[in-house]
Amino acid sequence: MPEPVTFGPDDLQRMARLLGVHIPPERLEGIAQQLEALYQGMARINAADLRDVEPAVTFQLPWKPRS
């Protein structure tokens, strides 16, 4: 399992400043908690071992030669 992701209000403020976005100070804590949960979820997905997993659905696109 990957290391737990921590993302605090200071991290969010730095990221917002780099992006040129203003986040009101009273909203920093709540948004930082939401982002931390999102990053933790992505870390669990990325840690999944999918080498032997077959796709449940496959798509075969029709192929037409160019004229």
PDB file of N, CA and C in Angstrom:
ATOM      1  N   MET A   1       0.846  -1.182   0.000  1.00  0.00           N
ATOM      2  CA  MET A   1       0.000   0.000   0.000  1.00  0.00           C
ATOM      3  C   MET A   1       0.886   1.238   0.000  1.00  0.00           C
ATOM      4  N   PRO A   2       0.544   2.243  -0.796  1.00  0.00           N
ATOM      5  CA  PRO A   2       1.369   3.460  -0.833  1.00  0.00           C
ATOM      6  C   PRO A   2       1.264   4.250   0.467  1.00  0.00           C
ATOM      7  N   GLU A   3       2.215   5.151   0.629  1.00  0.00           N
ATOM      8  CA  GLU A   3       2.190   6.026   1.805  1.00  0.00           C
ATOM      9  C   GLU A   3       0.923   6.870   1.779  1.00  0.00           C
ATOM     10  N   PRO A   4       0.361   7.160   2.953  1.00  0.00           N
ATOM     11  CA  PRO A   4      -0.832   8.020   2.965  1.00  0.00           C
ATOM     12  C   PRO A   4      -0.497   9.411   2.443  1.00  0.00           C
ATOM     13  N   VAL A   5      -1.405   9.945   1.693  1.00  0.00           N
ATOM     14  CA  VAL A   5      -1.224  11.274   1.116  1.00  0.00           C
ATOM     15  C   VAL A   5      -1.714  12.299   2.122  1.00  0.00           C
ATOM     16  N   THR A   6      -0.901  13.292   2.380  1.00  0.00           N
ATOM     17  CA  THR A   6      -1.333  14.382   3.246  1.00  0.00           C
ATOM     18  C   THR A   6      -1.346  15.664   2.422  1.00  0.00           C
ATOM     19  N   PHE A   7      -2.391  16.413   2.580  1.00  0.00           N
ATOM     20  CA  PHE A   7      -2.564  17.641   1.812  1.00  0.00           C
ATOM     21  C   PHE A   7      -3.254  18.632   2.733  1.00  0.00           C
ATOM     22  N   GLY A   8      -2.536  19.646   3.148  1.00  0.00           N
ATOM     23  CA  GLY A   8      -3.079  20.603   4.105  1.00  0.00           C
ATOM     24  C   GLY A   8      -3.407  21.943   3.485  1.00  0.00           C
ATOM     25  N   PRO A   9      -3.952  22.840   4.287  1.00  0.00           N
ATOM     26  CA  PRO A   9      -4.311  24.173   3.799  1.00  0.00           C
ATOM     27  C   PRO A   9      -3.123  24.947   3.234  1.00  0.00           C
ATOM     28  N   ASP A  10      -1.940  24.774   3.833  1.00  0.00           N
ATOM     29  CA  ASP A  10      -0.755  25.476   3.309  1.00  0.00           C
ATOM     30  C   ASP A  10      -0.398  24.977   1.912  1.00  0.00           C
ATOM     31  N   ASP A  11      -0.506  23.659   1.711  1.00  0.00           N
ATOM     32  CA  ASP A  11      -0.236  23.088   0.384  1.00  0.00           C
ATOM     33  C   ASP A  11      -1.228  23.633  -0.643  1.00  0.00           C
ATOM     34  N   LEU A  12      -2.488  23.684  -0.239  1.00  0.00           N
ATOM     35  CA  LEU A  12      -3.523  24.206  -1.131  1.00  0.00           C
ATOM     36  C   LEU A  12      -3.271  25.665  -1.464  1.00  0.00           C
ATOM     37  N   GLN A  13      -2.893  26.450  -0.469  1.00  0.00           N
ATOM     38  CA  GLN A  13      -2.622  27.874  -0.704  1.00  0.00           C
ATOM     39  C   GLN A  13      -1.475  28.058  -1.684  1.00  0.00           C
ATOM     40  N   ARG A  14      -0.417  27.262  -1.534  1.00  0.00           N
ATOM     41  CA  ARG A  14       0.711  27.348  -2.475  1.00  0.00           C
ATOM     42  C   ARG A  14       0.290  26.967  -3.887  1.00  0.00           C
ATOM     43  N   MET A  15      -0.502  25.895  -3.991  1.00  0.00           N
ATOM     44  CA  MET A  15      -0.960  25.463  -5.309  1.00  0.00           C
ATOM     45  C   MET A  15      -1.841  26.535  -5.947  1.00  0.00           C
ATOM     46  N   ALA A  16      -2.738  27.095  -5.170  1.00  0.00           N
ATOM     47  CA  ALA A  16      -3.626  28.138  -5.683  1.00  0.00           C
ATOM     48  C   ALA A  16      -2.826  29.350  -6.135  1.00  0.00           C
ATOM     49  N   ARG A  17      -1.824  29.726  -5.358  1.00  0.00           N
ATOM     50  CA  ARG A  17      -0.995  30.876  -5.717  1.00  0.00           C
ATOM     51  C   ARG A  17      -0.271  30.623  -7.040  1.00  0.00           C
ATOM     52  N   LEU A  18       0.247  29.399  -7.228  1.00  0.00           N
ATOM     53  CA  LEU A  18       0.921  29.062  -8.487  1.00  0.00           C
ATOM     54  C   LEU A  18      -0.029  29.134  -9.681  1.00  0.00           C
ATOM     55  N   LEU A  19      -1.279  28.771  -9.442  1.00  0.00           N
ATOM     56  CA  LEU A  19      -2.268  28.772 -10.518  1.00  0.00           C
ATOM     57  C   LEU A  19      -2.938  30.128 -10.707  1.00  0.00           C
ATOM     58  N   GLY A  20      -2.643  31.076  -9.812  1.00  0.00           N
ATOM     59  CA  GLY A  20      -3.253  32.394  -9.908  1.00  0.00           C
ATOM     60  C   GLY A  20      -4.703  32.406  -9.456  1.00  0.00           C
ATOM     61  N   VAL A  21      -5.048  31.498  -8.535  1.00  0.00           N
ATOM     62  CA  VAL A  21      -6.423  31.391  -8.040  1.00  0.00           C
ATOM     63  C   VAL A  21      -6.463  31.868  -6.596  1.00  0.00           C
ATOM     64  N   HIS A  22      -7.464  32.658  -6.269  1.00  0.00           N
ATOM     65  CA  HIS A  22      -7.633  33.109  -4.886  1.00  0.00           C
ATOM     66  C   HIS A  22      -8.663  32.223  -4.200  1.00  0.00           C
ATOM     67  N   ILE A  23      -8.287  31.654  -3.061  1.00  0.00           N
ATOM     68  CA  ILE A  23      -9.210  30.874  -2.238  1.00  0.00           C
ATOM     69  C   ILE A  23      -9.338  31.603  -0.906  1.00  0.00           C
ATOM     70  N   PRO A  24     -10.552  31.958  -0.529  1.00  0.00           N
ATOM     71  CA  PRO A  24     -10.730  32.645   0.751  1.00  0.00           C
ATOM     72  C   PRO A  24     -10.195  31.790   1.903  1.00  0.00           C
ATOM     73  N   PRO A  25      -9.519  32.398   2.857  1.00  0.00           N
ATOM     74  CA  PRO A  25      -8.918  31.640   3.965  1.00  0.00           C
ATOM     75  C   PRO A  25      -9.898  30.739   4.718  1.00  0.00           C
ATOM     76  N   GLU A  26     -11.159  31.167   4.835  1.00  0.00           N
ATOM     77  CA  GLU A  26     -12.123  30.347   5.570  1.00  0.00           C
ATOM     78  C   GLU A  26     -12.514  29.067   4.821  1.00  0.00           C
ATOM     79  N   ARG A  27     -12.176  28.965   3.540  1.00  0.00           N
ATOM     80  CA  ARG A  27     -12.507  27.778   2.755  1.00  0.00           C
ATOM     81  C   ARG A  27     -11.323  26.829   2.585  1.00  0.00           C
ATOM     82  N   LEU A  28     -10.122  27.267   2.962  1.00  0.00           N
ATOM     83  CA  LEU A  28      -8.919  26.472   2.731  1.00  0.00           C
ATOM     84  C   LEU A  28      -8.979  25.089   3.394  1.00  0.00           C
ATOM     85  N   GLU A  29      -9.377  25.038   4.652  1.00  0.00           N
ATOM     86  CA  GLU A  29      -9.373  23.758   5.388  1.00  0.00           C
ATOM     87  C   GLU A  29     -10.305  22.735   4.745  1.00  0.00           C
ATOM     88  N   GLY A  30     -11.511  23.139   4.410  1.00  0.00           N
ATOM     89  CA  GLY A  30     -12.484  22.217   3.812  1.00  0.00           C
ATOM     90  C   GLY A  30     -12.048  21.715   2.447  1.00  0.00           C
ATOM     91  N   ILE A  31     -11.554  22.612   1.618  1.00  0.00           N
ATOM     92  CA  ILE A  31     -11.108  22.219   0.283  1.00  0.00           C
ATOM     93  C   ILE A  31      -9.882  21.320   0.386  1.00  0.00           C
ATOM     94  N   ALA A  32      -8.967  21.622   1.304  1.00  0.00           N
ATOM     95  CA  ALA A  32      -7.775  20.792   1.492  1.00  0.00           C
ATOM     96  C   ALA A  32      -8.168  19.377   1.914  1.00  0.00           C
ATOM     97  N   GLN A  33      -9.160  19.235   2.778  1.00  0.00           N
ATOM     98  CA  GLN A  33      -9.619  17.906   3.190  1.00  0.00           C
ATOM     99  C   GLN A  33     -10.201  17.135   2.008  1.00  0.00           C
ATOM    100  N   GLN A  34     -10.954  17.822   1.171  1.00  0.00           N
ATOM    101  CA  GLN A  34     -11.537  17.172  -0.008  1.00  0.00           C
ATOM    102  C   GLN A  34     -10.442  16.714  -0.970  1.00  0.00           C
ATOM    103  N   LEU A  35      -9.439  17.565  -1.191  1.00  0.00           N
ATOM    104  CA  LEU A  35      -8.347  17.189  -2.086  1.00  0.00           C
ATOM    105  C   LEU A  35      -7.525  16.035  -1.528  1.00  0.00           C
ATOM    106  N   GLU A  36      -7.303  16.033  -0.226  1.00  0.00           N
ATOM    107  CA  GLU A  36      -6.554  14.937   0.391  1.00  0.00           C
ATOM    108  C   GLU A  36      -7.299  13.621   0.193  1.00  0.00           C
ATOM    109  N   ALA A  37      -8.610  13.614   0.388  1.00  0.00           N
ATOM    110  CA  ALA A  37      -9.401  12.401   0.176  1.00  0.00           C
ATOM    111  C   ALA A  37      -9.332  11.955  -1.273  1.00  0.00           C
ATOM    112  N   LEU A  38      -9.374  12.902  -2.194  1.00  0.00           N
ATOM    113  CA  LEU A  38      -9.281  12.581  -3.613  1.00  0.00           C
ATOM    114  C   LEU A  38      -7.928  11.946  -3.943  1.00  0.00           C
ATOM    115  N   TYR A  39      -6.840  12.545  -3.450  1.00  0.00           N
ATOM    116  CA  TYR A  39      -5.500  12.000  -3.700  1.00  0.00           C
ATOM    117  C   TYR A  39      -5.326  10.626  -3.071  1.00  0.00           C
ATOM    118  N   GLN A  40      -5.905  10.402  -1.891  1.00  0.00           N
ATOM    119  CA  GLN A  40      -5.813   9.090  -1.260  1.00  0.00           C
ATOM    120  C   GLN A  40      -6.540   8.038  -2.093  1.00  0.00           C
ATOM    121  N   GLY A  41      -7.688   8.400  -2.642  1.00  0.00           N
ATOM    122  CA  GLY A  41      -8.413   7.479  -3.510  1.00  0.00           C
ATOM    123  C   GLY A  41      -7.633   7.150  -4.769  1.00  0.00           C
ATOM    124  N   MET A  42      -7.004   8.145  -5.370  1.00  0.00           N
ATOM    125  CA  MET A  42      -6.205   7.904  -6.569  1.00  0.00           C
ATOM    126  C   MET A  42      -5.000   7.033  -6.251  1.00  0.00           C
ATOM    127  N   ALA A  43      -4.397   7.194  -5.074  1.00  0.00           N
ATOM    128  CA  ALA A  43      -3.251   6.386  -4.694  1.00  0.00           C
ATOM    129  C   ALA A  43      -3.652   4.924  -4.566  1.00  0.00           C
ATOM    130  N   ARG A  44      -4.847   4.642  -4.047  1.00  0.00           N
ATOM    131  CA  ARG A  44      -5.310   3.254  -3.943  1.00  0.00           C
ATOM    132  C   ARG A  44      -5.527   2.652  -5.321  1.00  0.00           C
ATOM    133  N   ILE A  45      -6.064   3.433  -6.242  1.00  0.00           N
ATOM    134  CA  ILE A  45      -6.279   2.930  -7.605  1.00  0.00           C
ATOM    135  C   ILE A  45      -4.938   2.645  -8.271  1.00  0.00           C
ATOM    136  N   ASN A  46      -3.995   3.560  -8.138  1.00  0.00           N
ATOM    137  CA  ASN A  46      -2.688   3.383  -8.763  1.00  0.00           C
ATOM    138  C   ASN A  46      -1.920   2.211  -8.171  1.00  0.00           C
ATOM    139  N   ALA A  47      -2.216   1.831  -6.930  1.00  0.00           N
ATOM    140  CA  ALA A  47      -1.491   0.745  -6.281  1.00  0.00           C
ATOM    141  C   ALA A  47      -2.043  -0.632  -6.660  1.00  0.00           C
ATOM    142  N   ALA A  48      -3.188  -0.683  -7.305  1.00  0.00           N
ATOM    143  CA  ALA A  48      -3.797  -1.962  -7.651  1.00  0.00           C
ATOM    144  C   ALA A  48      -2.948  -2.696  -8.685  1.00  0.00           C
ATOM    145  N   ASP A  49      -2.726  -3.989  -8.441  1.00  0.00           N
ATOM    146  CA  ASP A  49      -1.960  -4.820  -9.370  1.00  0.00           C
ATOM    147  C   ASP A  49      -2.926  -5.378 -10.412  1.00  0.00           C
ATOM    148  N   LEU A  50      -2.863  -4.855 -11.608  1.00  0.00           N
ATOM    149  CA  LEU A  50      -3.802  -5.217 -12.670  1.00  0.00           C
ATOM    150  C   LEU A  50      -3.145  -5.994 -13.808  1.00  0.00           C
ATOM    151  N   ARG A  51      -1.973  -6.573 -13.559  1.00  0.00           N
ATOM    152  CA  ARG A  51      -1.269  -7.261 -14.646  1.00  0.00           C
ATOM    153  C   ARG A  51      -2.060  -8.416 -15.243  1.00  0.00           C
ATOM    154  N   ASP A  52      -2.742  -9.195 -14.438  1.00  0.00           N
ATOM    155  CA  ASP A  52      -3.456 -10.369 -14.946  1.00  0.00           C
ATOM    156  C   ASP A  52      -4.957 -10.150 -15.083  1.00  0.00           C
ATOM    157  N   VAL A  53      -5.395  -8.909 -15.043  1.00  0.00           N
ATOM    158  CA  VAL A  53      -6.817  -8.607 -15.137  1.00  0.00           C
ATOM    159  C   VAL A  53      -7.173  -8.349 -16.596  1.00  0.00           C
ATOM    160  N   GLU A  54      -8.174  -9.075 -17.051  1.00  0.00           N
ATOM    161  CA  GLU A  54      -8.650  -8.884 -18.421  1.00  0.00           C
ATOM    162  C   GLU A  54      -9.729  -7.802 -18.423  1.00  0.00           C
ATOM    163  N   PRO A  55      -9.793  -7.006 -19.460  1.00  0.00           N
ATOM    164  CA  PRO A  55     -10.849  -5.990 -19.506  1.00  0.00           C
ATOM    165  C   PRO A  55     -12.226  -6.653 -19.584  1.00  0.00           C
ATOM    166  N   ALA A  56     -13.192  -6.070 -18.929  1.00  0.00           N
ATOM    167  CA  ALA A  56     -14.550  -6.614 -18.937  1.00  0.00           C
ATOM    168  C   ALA A  56     -15.239  -6.330 -20.270  1.00  0.00           C
ATOM    169  N   VAL A  57     -14.888  -5.241 -20.897  1.00  0.00           N
ATOM    170  CA  VAL A  57     -15.509  -4.849 -22.158  1.00  0.00           C
ATOM    171  C   VAL A  57     -14.395  -4.463 -23.124  1.00  0.00           C
ATOM    172  N   THR A  58     -14.521  -4.905 -24.336  1.00  0.00           N
ATOM    173  CA  THR A  58     -13.574  -4.482 -25.363  1.00  0.00           C
ATOM    174  C   THR A  58     -14.357  -3.869 -26.515  1.00  0.00           C
ATOM    175  N   PHE A  59     -13.736  -2.981 -27.194  1.00  0.00           N
ATOM    176  CA  PHE A  59     -14.363  -2.322 -28.328  1.00  0.00           C
ATOM    177  C   PHE A  59     -13.514  -2.572 -29.555  1.00  0.00           C
ATOM    178  N   GLN A  60     -14.165  -2.965 -30.618  1.00  0.00           N
ATOM    179  CA  GLN A  60     -13.455  -3.117 -31.874  1.00  0.00           C
ATOM    180  C   GLN A  60     -14.004  -2.059 -32.817  1.00  0.00           C
ATOM    181  N   LEU A  61     -13.187  -1.073 -33.071  1.00  0.00           N
ATOM    182  CA  LEU A  61     -13.622   0.016 -33.933  1.00  0.00           C
ATOM    183  C   LEU A  61     -13.569  -0.421 -35.388  1.00  0.00           C
ATOM    184  N   PRO A  62     -14.559  -0.022 -36.165  1.00  0.00           N
ATOM    185  CA  PRO A  62     -14.517  -0.373 -37.591  1.00  0.00           C
ATOM    186  C   PRO A  62     -13.355   0.347 -38.262  1.00  0.00           C
ATOM    187  N   TRP A  63     -12.677  -0.374 -39.099  1.00  0.00           N
ATOM    188  CA  TRP A  63     -11.532   0.203 -39.793  1.00  0.00           C
ATOM    189  C   TRP A  63     -11.874   0.372 -41.248  1.00  0.00           C
ATOM    190  N   LYS A  64     -11.666   1.563 -41.731  1.00  0.00           N
ATOM    191  CA  LYS A  64     -11.910   1.843 -43.155  1.00  0.00           C
ATOM    192  C   LYS A  64     -10.644   2.480 -43.712  1.00  0.00           C
ATOM    193  N   PRO A  65     -10.173   1.975 -44.836  1.00  0.00           N
ATOM    194  CA  PRO A  65      -8.985   2.608 -45.432  1.00  0.00           C
ATOM    195  C   PRO A  65      -9.341   4.009 -45.930  1.00  0.00           C
ATOM    196  N   ARG A  66      -8.354   4.866 -45.839  1.00  0.00           N
ATOM    197  CA  ARG A  66      -8.567   6.234 -46.350  1.00  0.00           C
ATOM    198  C   ARG A  66      -8.606   6.217 -47.860  1.00  0.00           C
ATOM    199  N   SER A  67      -9.459   7.061 -48.415  1.00  0.00           N
ATOM    200  CA  SER A  67      -9.571   7.129 -49.879  1.00  0.00           C
ATOM    201  C   SER A  67      -8.504   8.015 -50.453  1.00  0.00           C
TER     202      SER A  67
END
